Protein backbone atom coordinates (compact mmCIF):
# COMPACT_ATOMS: atom_id res chain seq x y z
CA MET A 1 -17.13 -10.75 -13.74
CA ASN A 2 -14.55 -9.64 -11.18
CA LEU A 3 -14.31 -5.84 -11.03
CA ALA A 4 -11.35 -4.31 -9.19
CA PHE A 5 -10.74 -0.68 -8.22
CA VAL A 6 -7.17 0.43 -7.55
CA GLU A 7 -5.62 3.81 -6.82
CA SER A 8 -1.96 2.90 -6.29
CA PRO A 9 0.69 0.65 -7.87
CA VAL A 10 0.84 -1.59 -4.78
CA GLN A 11 -2.91 -2.15 -4.91
CA LEU A 12 -2.68 -3.19 -8.56
CA LEU A 13 0.23 -5.53 -7.76
CA ASN A 14 -1.89 -7.18 -5.10
CA VAL A 15 -4.82 -7.59 -7.48
CA LEU A 16 -2.41 -9.51 -9.74
CA GLU A 17 -1.36 -11.62 -6.76
CA TRP A 18 -5.03 -12.25 -5.90
CA VAL A 19 -5.87 -13.37 -9.45
CA HIS A 20 -2.84 -15.67 -9.44
CA THR A 21 -3.85 -17.17 -6.08
CA GLN A 22 -7.36 -18.03 -7.28
CA GLY A 23 -5.81 -21.09 -8.96
CA GLY A 24 -7.38 -21.78 -12.32
CA ASP A 25 -9.61 -18.72 -12.50
CA ASP A 26 -9.60 -17.10 -15.91
CA PRO A 27 -7.63 -13.81 -15.74
CA THR A 28 -9.80 -12.46 -18.58
CA ALA A 29 -12.75 -12.58 -16.17
CA THR A 30 -11.20 -9.69 -14.23
CA THR A 31 -11.43 -6.02 -15.14
CA VAL A 32 -9.30 -3.53 -13.24
CA VAL A 33 -10.38 0.11 -13.08
CA VAL A 34 -7.43 2.37 -12.32
CA LEU A 35 -8.44 5.58 -10.51
CA PRO A 36 -5.07 7.38 -10.69
CA PRO A 37 -3.89 10.04 -8.25
CA VAL A 38 -2.49 13.30 -9.57
CA ASP A 39 1.19 12.91 -8.63
CA PRO A 40 3.40 11.97 -11.62
CA MET A 41 5.42 9.21 -9.93
CA SER A 42 2.32 7.26 -8.86
CA ARG A 43 0.83 7.63 -12.33
CA GLY A 44 4.03 6.40 -13.95
CA GLN A 45 4.18 3.32 -11.74
CA LEU A 46 0.49 2.64 -12.34
CA ARG A 47 1.00 2.74 -16.11
CA ARG A 48 3.83 0.21 -15.81
CA MET A 49 1.72 -2.03 -13.57
CA ALA A 50 -1.19 -1.72 -16.03
CA GLU A 51 1.09 -3.08 -18.76
CA LEU A 52 1.97 -6.09 -16.60
CA ALA A 53 -1.72 -6.70 -15.86
CA ARG A 54 -2.60 -6.61 -19.56
CA ASP A 55 0.21 -9.09 -20.21
CA GLU A 56 -1.60 -11.44 -17.81
CA GLY A 57 -4.82 -11.17 -19.83
CA ILE A 58 -6.56 -8.79 -17.44
CA THR A 59 -8.62 -5.95 -18.86
CA VAL A 60 -7.44 -2.56 -17.55
CA ARG A 61 -9.51 0.60 -17.75
CA TRP A 62 -7.88 3.94 -16.93
CA GLN A 63 -10.50 6.25 -15.42
CA GLU A 64 -9.64 9.81 -14.39
CA ALA A 65 -11.61 10.74 -11.28
CA ARG A 66 -9.48 13.55 -9.86
CA GLY A 67 -7.91 16.80 -10.89
CA GLU A 68 -10.17 18.78 -13.16
CA SER A 69 -13.54 20.09 -12.04
CA GLY A 70 -16.36 17.63 -12.62
CA ALA A 71 -14.06 14.60 -13.03
CA PRO A 72 -15.42 12.66 -10.00
CA LEU A 73 -19.04 12.93 -11.15
CA LYS A 74 -18.15 12.17 -14.76
CA ALA A 75 -16.26 9.05 -13.67
CA LEU A 76 -19.14 7.95 -11.45
CA ARG A 77 -21.56 8.13 -14.37
CA ALA A 78 -19.12 6.27 -16.62
CA LEU A 79 -18.64 3.43 -14.11
CA THR A 80 -22.21 2.93 -12.83
CA GLY A 81 -23.21 0.27 -15.35
CA LEU A 82 -19.95 -1.66 -14.90
CA VAL A 83 -20.32 -1.65 -11.11
CA ARG A 84 -23.89 -2.89 -11.19
CA ARG A 85 -23.06 -5.77 -13.58
CA ALA A 86 -20.13 -7.08 -11.53
CA ASP A 87 -20.44 -10.39 -9.66
CA HIS A 88 -17.40 -9.85 -7.46
CA ILE A 89 -15.95 -6.50 -6.34
CA VAL A 90 -12.25 -6.21 -5.46
CA ILE A 91 -10.92 -3.01 -3.89
CA GLY A 92 -7.47 -1.85 -2.83
CA ASP A 93 -8.30 1.05 -0.50
CA PRO A 94 -11.32 0.68 1.79
CA PHE A 95 -10.59 4.15 3.23
CA SER A 96 -10.94 5.86 -0.16
CA ARG A 97 -13.99 8.11 -0.12
CA TYR A 98 -14.38 7.70 -3.87
CA VAL A 99 -14.32 3.90 -3.65
CA GLN A 100 -16.80 4.09 -0.76
CA LEU A 101 -19.07 6.13 -3.03
CA LEU A 102 -18.80 3.46 -5.73
CA LEU A 103 -19.70 0.79 -3.16
CA THR A 104 -23.15 2.40 -2.74
CA LEU A 105 -23.87 1.22 -6.31
CA VAL A 106 -22.71 -2.38 -5.81
CA ARG A 107 -25.12 -5.28 -6.26
CA ALA A 108 -22.51 -8.07 -6.11
CA ASP A 109 -22.68 -10.46 -3.15
CA ARG A 110 -18.90 -11.01 -3.00
CA LEU A 111 -16.36 -8.41 -1.88
CA THR A 112 -12.58 -8.76 -1.57
CA VAL A 113 -10.20 -6.21 -0.06
CA VAL A 114 -6.62 -6.63 -1.28
CA ASP A 115 -3.63 -5.14 0.50
CA ASP A 116 -3.00 -1.43 0.49
CA GLY A 117 0.04 -1.94 2.67
CA THR A 118 -0.03 -1.40 6.41
CA ALA A 119 -3.37 0.42 6.07
CA THR A 120 -4.93 -3.05 5.82
CA MET A 121 -3.93 -3.71 9.43
CA GLU A 122 -5.75 -0.62 10.62
CA PHE A 123 -8.78 -1.33 8.41
CA VAL A 124 -9.26 -4.82 9.86
CA ALA A 125 -8.66 -3.58 13.42
CA GLN A 126 -11.27 -0.84 13.02
CA LEU A 127 -13.77 -3.34 11.63
CA ALA A 128 -13.18 -5.60 14.61
CA ARG A 129 -13.64 -2.69 17.05
CA GLY A 130 -16.71 -1.37 15.26
CA GLU A 131 -15.10 2.02 14.69
CA ARG A 132 -15.54 4.60 11.96
CA LEU A 133 -13.08 4.00 9.11
CA THR A 134 -10.28 6.56 9.47
CA ARG A 135 -6.68 6.46 8.25
CA TRP A 136 -4.28 5.96 11.14
CA HIS A 137 -2.23 9.13 10.52
CA ARG A 138 -5.27 11.42 10.61
CA ARG A 139 -5.94 13.22 13.87
CA GLY A 140 -9.59 12.22 13.90
CA ARG A 141 -11.19 15.62 13.52
CA THR A 142 -14.62 15.57 11.89
CA GLY A 143 -14.90 18.40 9.38
CA PRO A 144 -17.70 19.46 7.00
CA ARG A 145 -16.51 17.05 4.29
CA GLU A 146 -16.58 14.07 6.68
CA LEU A 147 -20.06 15.02 7.89
CA LEU A 148 -21.31 15.30 4.31
CA LEU A 149 -19.88 11.88 3.41
CA ALA A 150 -20.94 10.16 6.64
CA PRO A 151 -23.92 8.34 5.01
CA VAL A 152 -21.61 7.08 2.22
CA THR A 153 -19.07 5.84 4.75
CA ALA A 154 -21.79 4.12 6.78
CA THR A 155 -23.09 2.32 3.68
CA ALA A 156 -19.56 1.24 2.75
CA ARG A 157 -18.98 -0.10 6.23
CA ARG A 158 -22.06 -2.29 5.90
CA ARG A 159 -20.57 -3.63 2.66
CA PHE A 160 -17.52 -4.71 4.65
CA THR A 161 -19.73 -6.67 7.06
CA PRO A 162 -20.48 -10.25 5.95
CA SER A 163 -23.97 -11.70 6.10
CA ALA A 164 -25.82 -14.80 4.98
CA ASN A 165 -26.04 -13.41 1.44
CA HIS A 166 -22.82 -11.41 1.33
CA THR A 167 -19.23 -12.69 1.66
CA VAL A 168 -16.19 -10.58 2.54
CA GLU A 169 -12.56 -11.61 2.01
CA VAL A 170 -9.32 -9.87 2.97
CA PHE A 171 -6.33 -10.86 0.82
CA THR A 172 -3.26 -9.78 2.72
CA ALA A 173 0.41 -10.27 3.55
CA MET A 174 -0.13 -8.39 6.81
CA PRO A 175 -0.68 -10.01 10.23
CA VAL A 176 -4.37 -9.41 10.87
CA GLU A 177 -7.12 -10.88 13.02
CA ALA A 178 -10.35 -10.41 11.12
CA PRO A 179 -13.79 -10.23 12.74
CA PRO A 180 -15.91 -13.40 12.62
CA GLY A 181 -17.25 -14.18 9.17
CA ILE A 182 -14.50 -12.42 7.19
CA ALA A 183 -12.25 -14.82 5.30
CA VAL A 184 -8.52 -14.06 5.35
CA THR A 185 -6.44 -15.33 2.42
CA ALA A 186 -2.65 -15.13 2.67
CA ASN A 187 -0.81 -13.13 0.04
CA THR A 188 2.55 -14.92 -0.36
CA PHE A 189 3.72 -12.95 -3.43
CA ALA A 190 3.68 -16.13 -5.47
CA TRP A 191 3.03 -14.23 -8.73
CA THR A 192 5.97 -11.88 -8.08
CA ARG A 193 8.34 -14.79 -7.38
CA ALA A 194 7.12 -16.69 -10.42
CA ARG A 195 7.52 -13.77 -12.83
CA PHE A 196 10.71 -12.09 -11.59
CA GLY A 197 14.16 -13.05 -10.40
CA PRO A 198 15.95 -14.43 -8.59
CA PRO A 199 17.90 -11.16 -8.30
CA SER A 200 21.62 -10.55 -8.42
CA ILE A 201 22.76 -9.50 -4.95
CA GLY A 202 25.44 -6.94 -4.09
CA LYS A 203 27.62 -6.75 -0.98
CA GLY A 204 26.29 -3.48 0.45
CA ALA A 205 22.98 -2.20 1.75
CA ASP A 206 20.05 -0.31 0.28
CA LEU A 207 17.81 2.08 2.21
CA VAL A 208 14.06 2.31 1.68
CA GLY A 209 12.40 5.72 2.00
CA THR A 210 9.10 6.55 3.62
CA SER A 211 6.46 9.24 3.21
CA LEU A 212 6.04 9.76 6.96
CA VAL A 213 7.39 13.30 6.59
CA GLU A 214 4.94 14.07 3.78
CA THR A 215 1.98 12.71 5.76
CA GLY A 216 2.84 14.98 8.68
CA VAL A 217 3.90 12.24 11.10
CA VAL A 218 7.70 12.67 11.33
CA ASP A 219 9.70 15.89 11.45
CA PRO A 220 12.03 16.29 8.46
CA VAL A 221 15.17 17.17 10.48
CA PRO A 222 15.42 13.97 12.57
CA TYR A 223 14.41 11.96 9.52
CA GLN A 224 17.35 13.29 7.52
CA GLU A 225 19.68 12.72 10.46
CA ALA A 226 18.42 9.12 10.82
CA VAL A 227 18.93 8.38 7.12
CA THR A 228 22.46 9.80 7.34
CA ALA A 229 23.30 7.65 10.37
CA LEU A 230 21.83 4.47 8.84
CA ALA A 231 23.70 4.98 5.57
CA ARG A 232 26.97 5.41 7.46
CA THR A 233 26.40 2.43 9.79
CA HIS A 234 25.31 -0.04 7.10
CA GLY A 235 27.42 1.19 4.21
CA ALA A 236 24.41 1.97 2.07
CA THR A 237 24.85 3.57 -1.35
CA ARG A 238 21.27 3.77 -2.64
CA TYR A 239 18.04 5.22 -1.31
CA PHE A 240 14.83 3.91 -2.86
CA ALA A 241 12.37 6.80 -2.67
CA HIS A 242 8.73 6.34 -1.76
CA ARG A 243 6.52 7.54 -4.59
CA ARG A 244 5.07 10.30 -2.37
CA GLU A 245 8.38 11.75 -1.19
CA SER A 246 8.89 15.35 -2.23
CA ALA A 247 11.65 16.40 -4.61
CA GLU A 248 12.88 19.01 -2.10
CA LYS A 249 13.32 16.42 0.63
CA LEU A 250 15.10 14.00 -1.70
CA HIS A 251 17.49 16.69 -2.94
CA ALA A 252 18.33 17.55 0.66
CA LEU A 253 18.94 13.87 1.48
CA GLU A 254 21.20 13.44 -1.54
CA ALA A 255 23.26 16.49 -0.59
CA ALA A 256 23.56 15.46 3.07
CA THR A 257 24.30 11.76 2.59
CA GLY A 258 25.79 11.28 -0.87
CA LEU A 259 23.29 8.48 -1.45
CA GLU A 260 22.10 7.73 -4.96
CA ILE A 261 18.39 8.57 -4.96
CA VAL A 262 16.43 5.98 -6.95
CA ARG A 263 12.84 6.67 -7.98
CA PRO A 264 11.51 3.19 -8.81
CA ASP A 265 9.23 2.75 -11.82
CA LEU A 266 7.51 -0.24 -10.16
CA PRO A 267 6.62 -1.24 -6.58
CA LEU A 268 9.71 -2.12 -4.55
CA GLU A 269 8.73 -5.78 -4.27
CA LEU A 270 9.19 -6.10 -8.05
CA ILE A 271 12.31 -3.91 -8.15
CA ALA A 272 13.97 -6.01 -5.44
CA ARG A 273 12.95 -9.28 -7.06
CA ARG A 274 14.35 -8.18 -10.45
CA GLY A 275 17.58 -6.92 -8.86
CA PRO A 276 20.27 -5.98 -8.50
CA ILE A 277 19.65 -5.45 -4.80
CA GLY A 278 21.81 -5.02 -1.71
CA ARG A 279 22.46 -7.93 0.60
CA THR A 280 20.76 -5.90 3.34
CA ILE A 281 17.65 -3.74 2.90
CA VAL A 282 17.08 -1.21 5.68
CA SER A 283 13.64 0.33 6.12
CA PHE A 284 11.65 2.35 8.60
CA PRO A 285 8.29 0.84 9.72
CA SER A 286 6.31 0.39 6.50
CA THR A 287 4.63 -2.12 4.28
CA VAL A 288 7.89 -3.47 2.85
CA VAL A 289 9.06 -4.93 6.16
CA HIS A 290 6.18 -7.37 5.75
CA THR A 291 6.23 -7.87 1.97
CA LEU A 292 9.93 -7.93 1.03
CA PRO A 293 10.74 -11.04 3.12
CA LEU A 294 7.99 -12.84 1.19
CA ALA A 295 9.02 -11.55 -2.24
CA LEU A 296 12.69 -12.35 -1.52
CA THR A 297 12.19 -15.77 0.05
CA GLY A 298 15.20 -17.99 -0.58
CA THR A 299 17.47 -15.25 -1.92
CA GLY A 300 19.51 -14.65 1.24
CA VAL A 301 18.68 -10.94 1.31
CA ARG A 302 18.28 -9.61 4.87
CA VAL A 303 15.55 -7.06 5.68
CA ALA A 304 16.11 -4.81 8.69
CA VAL A 305 13.73 -2.27 10.21
CA CYS A 306 14.67 0.83 12.22
CA ASP A 307 12.13 1.99 14.79
CA ILE A 308 10.76 5.54 14.78
CA ALA A 309 11.82 7.28 17.99
CA PRO A 310 9.01 9.18 19.78
CA GLU A 311 11.00 12.42 19.63
CA TRP A 312 10.99 12.29 15.82
CA LEU A 313 7.21 12.75 15.72
CA ARG A 314 5.70 16.13 14.95
CA ALA A 315 3.62 17.78 17.63
CA THR A 316 0.67 17.66 15.24
CA ALA A 317 1.00 13.90 14.56
CA SER A 318 -1.94 11.68 15.39
CA PRO A 319 -1.89 10.34 18.97
CA ARG A 320 -2.15 6.88 17.42
CA ALA A 321 1.02 7.26 15.35
CA GLN A 322 3.61 5.84 17.76
CA GLY A 323 1.51 2.82 18.68
CA PHE A 324 0.67 2.04 15.09
CA LEU A 325 4.27 2.32 13.86
CA SER A 326 5.53 0.17 16.75
CA GLY A 327 2.92 -2.44 15.85
CA VAL A 328 4.10 -2.50 12.23
CA THR A 329 7.62 -3.31 13.42
CA GLU A 330 6.71 -5.75 16.19
CA THR A 331 4.50 -7.90 13.96
CA ALA A 332 6.96 -8.12 11.03
CA ARG A 333 8.20 -11.66 10.46
CA GLY A 334 11.65 -12.58 9.17
CA VAL A 335 13.24 -9.16 9.69
CA GLN A 336 16.06 -7.87 11.88
CA ARG A 337 14.89 -5.19 14.27
CA LEU A 338 17.23 -2.24 14.69
CA PRO A 339 17.03 0.24 17.59
CA SER A 340 16.09 3.84 16.89
CA VAL A 341 19.09 5.73 15.58
CA VAL A 342 20.83 7.72 18.32
CA MET A 343 21.79 11.19 17.10
């Protein structure tokens, strides 16, 4: 049995892509456990993605592990038997402390990590460098919680290291160079292209939002100014919000730019493939500059990426932020690179 753990809509989409890529594998042999976050937009998208997974014959189990007191421990007890019976573990977020805790229970000798967006690039790079697993936008401080979970993280990291009796695969659309012994399988979004589209294409442009403000990387004032300038330059009429963007920020953007704010009910790769979509899609450095060109292959839609200027970064942003964001842009294939907006 394949047992997958996902915490976001994009992770679940990439589990579907992984199952499709296996070529002949029985979808009913895969069970997906959804560990939903607390924010309503993510939960809504996850429920829609769960419906699509069930339509493919995949078993989906919705398991609350956050929010109310005692939920994490209750979920751990509920999942222990399932984890220990699995032959193949598939995970979407190797940085998740809860998933790392579940990995301490794993007996399976096969492990696959599917894309969680650009975080996959940092995960593989940290494995190659032998570093502690830390999200790129964190400043790297080690607090009491990190010290308490250090043994769990160390055990998880060993699970991500292949051996004679243990295989590790990374299924990704991102440009990565994995350490020796880790198999890399290309995610070409074949399932998405087979199930959706081709889309109807408009004459204008669409903007893609980012949660860099919410994660404390970019200051909100230059971000709003950049969105305003991009909308004016490219004639954009719609702004596709990231699921983590705050309502306050989106209201301010709508008032300042006149853009129609769209909160997608599915990952943007599916929204774009279903259409209608603008002839040009403009994004800041993010996952979609790697995935949309694949999902929209052959449609004629142009994807453009606007760099993040160093002066947009908050003083409290991680020292790694600028380098990481530049790397996301520089390694994107099939996109037009735009200079940072001058304001």
